[in-house]
Amino acid sequence: MPAEPGSQAAFVCDSSEDRDTLTVFGEVDIANADDLRRSLMHCARSDRPLTVDLTACGYIDTSGLHVLAEFGQLMPRLSVLSPAKGHIPRVIELLGLSHLVEVVFQPELT
């Protein structure tokens, strides 16, 4: 589900045999955190695990991470795939998101 025109993010939901994945592209901030929330609601199915892939996301602020934390409380099978370096893992650690949802840090491919 693409973000609203003018925003700087896009959200793509894919399904595999055993889980759903919401891939986040671009930047998520207060201006489009509701787009992330709507995309999560669209992609989430209660009987399947959902992974939010942030490896293509260049930036996410606290409003986007709060959306993920909210969903983590509602959906215990939610996990987040994050780049291992840069802004995103620092903010995840500062906010303690890894205490609410499973966070997997993906190392950069060299």
C-alpha atoms as a PDB file:
ATOM      1  CA  MET A   1       0.000   0.000   0.000  1.00  0.00           C
ATOM      2  CA  PRO A   2       1.763   3.206  -1.127  1.00  0.00           C
ATOM      3  CA  ALA A   3       1.907   6.231   1.125  1.00  0.00           C
ATOM      4  CA  GLU A   4      -0.226   9.287   0.460  1.00  0.00           C
ATOM      5  CA  PRO A   5       0.960  11.564  -2.357  1.00  0.00           C
ATOM      6  CA  GLY A   6       3.537  14.036  -1.141  1.00  0.00           C
ATOM      7  CA  SER A   7       4.778  11.867   1.692  1.00  0.00           C
ATOM      8  CA  GLN A   8       8.238  10.353   1.607  1.00  0.00           C
ATOM      9  CA  ALA A   9       7.475   6.697   2.300  1.00  0.00           C
ATOM     10  CA  ALA A  10       5.982   3.672   0.598  1.00  0.00           C
ATOM     11  CA  PHE A  11       4.778   0.449   2.177  1.00  0.00           C
ATOM     12  CA  VAL A  12       4.616  -2.886   0.361  1.00  0.00           C
ATOM     13  CA  CYS A  13       2.934  -5.962   1.832  1.00  0.00           C
ATOM     14  CA  ASP A  14       4.085  -9.384   0.636  1.00  0.00           C
ATOM     15  CA  SER A  15       2.982 -12.841   1.728  1.00  0.00           C
ATOM     16  CA  SER A  16       5.053 -15.976   1.794  1.00  0.00           C
ATOM     17  CA  GLU A  17       4.062 -19.456   2.814  1.00  0.00           C
ATOM     18  CA  ASP A  18       4.576 -18.883   6.530  1.00  0.00           C
ATOM     19  CA  ARG A  19       4.485 -15.109   7.170  1.00  0.00           C
ATOM     20  CA  ASP A  20       3.562 -11.660   5.893  1.00  0.00           C
ATOM     21  CA  THR A  21       6.127  -8.910   5.404  1.00  0.00           C
ATOM     22  CA  LEU A  22       5.565  -5.165   5.290  1.00  0.00           C
ATOM     23  CA  THR A  23       8.567  -3.500   3.655  1.00  0.00           C
ATOM     24  CA  VAL A  24       9.030   0.188   4.420  1.00  0.00           C
ATOM     25  CA  PHE A  25      10.737   2.368   1.803  1.00  0.00           C
ATOM     26  CA  GLY A  26      11.827   5.971   2.264  1.00  0.00           C
ATOM     27  CA  GLU A  27      11.323   8.025   5.411  1.00  0.00           C
ATOM     28  CA  VAL A  28       8.725   7.651   8.172  1.00  0.00           C
ATOM     29  CA  ASP A  29       8.007  10.600  10.438  1.00  0.00           C
ATOM     30  CA  ILE A  30       5.078  12.304  12.110  1.00  0.00           C
ATOM     31  CA  ALA A  31       3.718  13.384   8.711  1.00  0.00           C
ATOM     32  CA  ASN A  32       3.174   9.803   7.526  1.00  0.00           C
ATOM     33  CA  ALA A  33       3.167   7.614  10.664  1.00  0.00           C
ATOM     34  CA  ASP A  34      -0.590   7.146  10.143  1.00  0.00           C
ATOM     35  CA  ASP A  35       0.198   5.731   6.687  1.00  0.00           C
ATOM     36  CA  LEU A  36       2.413   3.168   8.414  1.00  0.00           C
ATOM     37  CA  ARG A  37      -0.419   2.369  10.848  1.00  0.00           C
ATOM     38  CA  ARG A  38      -2.916   1.883   7.997  1.00  0.00           C
ATOM     39  CA  SER A  39      -0.440  -0.295   6.099  1.00  0.00           C
ATOM     40  CA  LEU A  40       0.134  -2.468   9.163  1.00  0.00           C
ATOM     41  CA  MET A  41      -3.622  -2.891   9.626  1.00  0.00           C
ATOM     42  CA  HIS A  42      -3.976  -3.797   5.954  1.00  0.00           C
ATOM     43  CA  CYS A  43      -1.118  -6.313   6.018  1.00  0.00           C
ATOM     44  CA  ALA A  44      -1.651  -7.920   9.439  1.00  0.00           C
ATOM     45  CA  ARG A  45      -3.581 -11.157   9.767  1.00  0.00           C
ATOM     46  CA  SER A  46      -4.033 -12.448  13.283  1.00  0.00           C
ATOM     47  CA  ASP A  47      -3.151 -16.038  12.440  1.00  0.00           C
ATOM     48  CA  ARG A  48       0.210 -15.285  10.785  1.00  0.00           C
ATOM     49  CA  PRO A  49       3.483 -13.714  11.882  1.00  0.00           C
ATOM     50  CA  LEU A  50       4.199 -10.261  10.457  1.00  0.00           C
ATOM     51  CA  THR A  51       7.680  -8.865   9.846  1.00  0.00           C
ATOM     52  CA  VAL A  52       8.202  -5.146   9.307  1.00  0.00           C
ATOM     53  CA  ASP A  53      11.288  -4.789   7.129  1.00  0.00           C
ATOM     54  CA  LEU A  54      13.056  -1.467   7.742  1.00  0.00           C
ATOM     55  CA  THR A  55      16.192  -2.307   5.735  1.00  0.00           C
ATOM     56  CA  ALA A  56      15.011  -0.109   2.829  1.00  0.00           C
ATOM     57  CA  CYS A  57      13.869   2.669   5.173  1.00  0.00           C
ATOM     58  CA  GLY A  58      16.262   5.598   5.267  1.00  0.00           C
ATOM     59  CA  TYR A  59      14.793   7.263   8.355  1.00  0.00           C
ATOM     60  CA  ILE A  60      12.172   6.611  11.018  1.00  0.00           C
ATOM     61  CA  ASP A  61      11.406   8.877  13.940  1.00  0.00           C
ATOM     62  CA  THR A  62       9.772   8.165  17.277  1.00  0.00           C
ATOM     63  CA  SER A  63       6.249   8.517  15.880  1.00  0.00           C
ATOM     64  CA  GLY A  64       6.869   5.627  13.482  1.00  0.00           C
ATOM     65  CA  LEU A  65       8.474   3.502  16.191  1.00  0.00           C
ATOM     66  CA  HIS A  66       5.547   4.204  18.511  1.00  0.00           C
ATOM     67  CA  VAL A  67       3.244   2.778  15.833  1.00  0.00           C
ATOM     68  CA  LEU A  68       5.384  -0.385  15.781  1.00  0.00           C
ATOM     69  CA  ALA A  69       5.320  -0.561  19.591  1.00  0.00           C
ATOM     70  CA  GLU A  70       1.511  -0.253  19.605  1.00  0.00           C
ATOM     71  CA  PHE A  71       1.205  -3.088  17.107  1.00  0.00           C
ATOM     72  CA  GLY A  72       3.680  -5.151  19.084  1.00  0.00           C
ATOM     73  CA  GLN A  73       1.347  -5.022  22.058  1.00  0.00           C
ATOM     74  CA  LEU A  74      -1.634  -6.035  19.924  1.00  0.00           C
ATOM     75  CA  MET A  75       0.163  -8.578  17.793  1.00  0.00           C
ATOM     76  CA  PRO A  76       2.627 -10.782  19.656  1.00  0.00           C
ATOM     77  CA  ARG A  77       3.880 -12.342  16.405  1.00  0.00           C
ATOM     78  CA  LEU A  78       5.213  -9.005  15.113  1.00  0.00           C
ATOM     79  CA  SER A  79       8.928  -8.722  14.391  1.00  0.00           C
ATOM     80  CA  VAL A  80      11.081  -5.947  12.967  1.00  0.00           C
ATOM     81  CA  LEU A  81      14.013  -6.379  10.589  1.00  0.00           C
ATOM     82  CA  SER A  82      16.386  -3.432  10.971  1.00  0.00           C
ATOM     83  CA  PRO A  83      19.699  -2.469   9.454  1.00  0.00           C
ATOM     84  CA  ALA A  84      22.495  -3.173  11.955  1.00  0.00           C
ATOM     85  CA  LYS A  85      24.124   0.258  11.607  1.00  0.00           C
ATOM     86  CA  GLY A  86      22.967   3.838  11.319  1.00  0.00           C
ATOM     87  CA  HIS A  87      20.132   5.927  12.690  1.00  0.00           C
ATOM     88  CA  ILE A  88      17.401   3.283  12.843  1.00  0.00           C
ATOM     89  CA  PRO A  89      19.037   0.788  15.237  1.00  0.00           C
ATOM     90  CA  ARG A  90      20.145   3.657  17.507  1.00  0.00           C
ATOM     91  CA  VAL A  91      16.570   4.958  17.796  1.00  0.00           C
ATOM     92  CA  ILE A  92      15.216   1.410  18.284  1.00  0.00           C
ATOM     93  CA  GLU A  93      17.606   0.901  21.192  1.00  0.00           C
ATOM     94  CA  LEU A  94      16.971   4.347  22.729  1.00  0.00           C
ATOM     95  CA  LEU A  95      13.217   3.771  22.741  1.00  0.00           C
ATOM     96  CA  GLY A  96      13.511   0.184  23.947  1.00  0.00           C
ATOM     97  CA  LEU A  97      11.481  -1.209  21.048  1.00  0.00           C
ATOM     98  CA  SER A  98      13.399  -4.469  21.267  1.00  0.00           C
ATOM     99  CA  HIS A  99      11.792  -5.026  24.690  1.00  0.00           C
ATOM    100  CA  LEU A 100       8.324  -4.917  23.081  1.00  0.00           C
ATOM    101  CA  VAL A 101       8.835  -6.751  19.789  1.00  0.00           C
ATOM    102  CA  GLU A 102      11.417  -9.091  18.350  1.00  0.00           C
ATOM    103  CA  VAL A 103      14.036  -7.016  16.532  1.00  0.00           C
ATOM    104  CA  VAL A 104      16.515  -8.652  14.167  1.00  0.00           C
ATOM    105  CA  PHE A 105      19.485  -6.523  13.116  1.00  0.00           C
ATOM    106  CA  GLN A 106      20.637  -7.372   9.585  1.00  0.00           C
ATOM    107  CA  PRO A 107      24.311  -6.718   8.901  1.00  0.00           C
ATOM    108  CA  GLU A 108      25.201  -4.826   5.748  1.00  0.00           C
ATOM    109  CA  LEU A 109      26.206  -6.950   2.797  1.00  0.00           C
ATOM    110  CA  THR A 110      29.734  -6.164   1.653  1.00  0.00           C
END
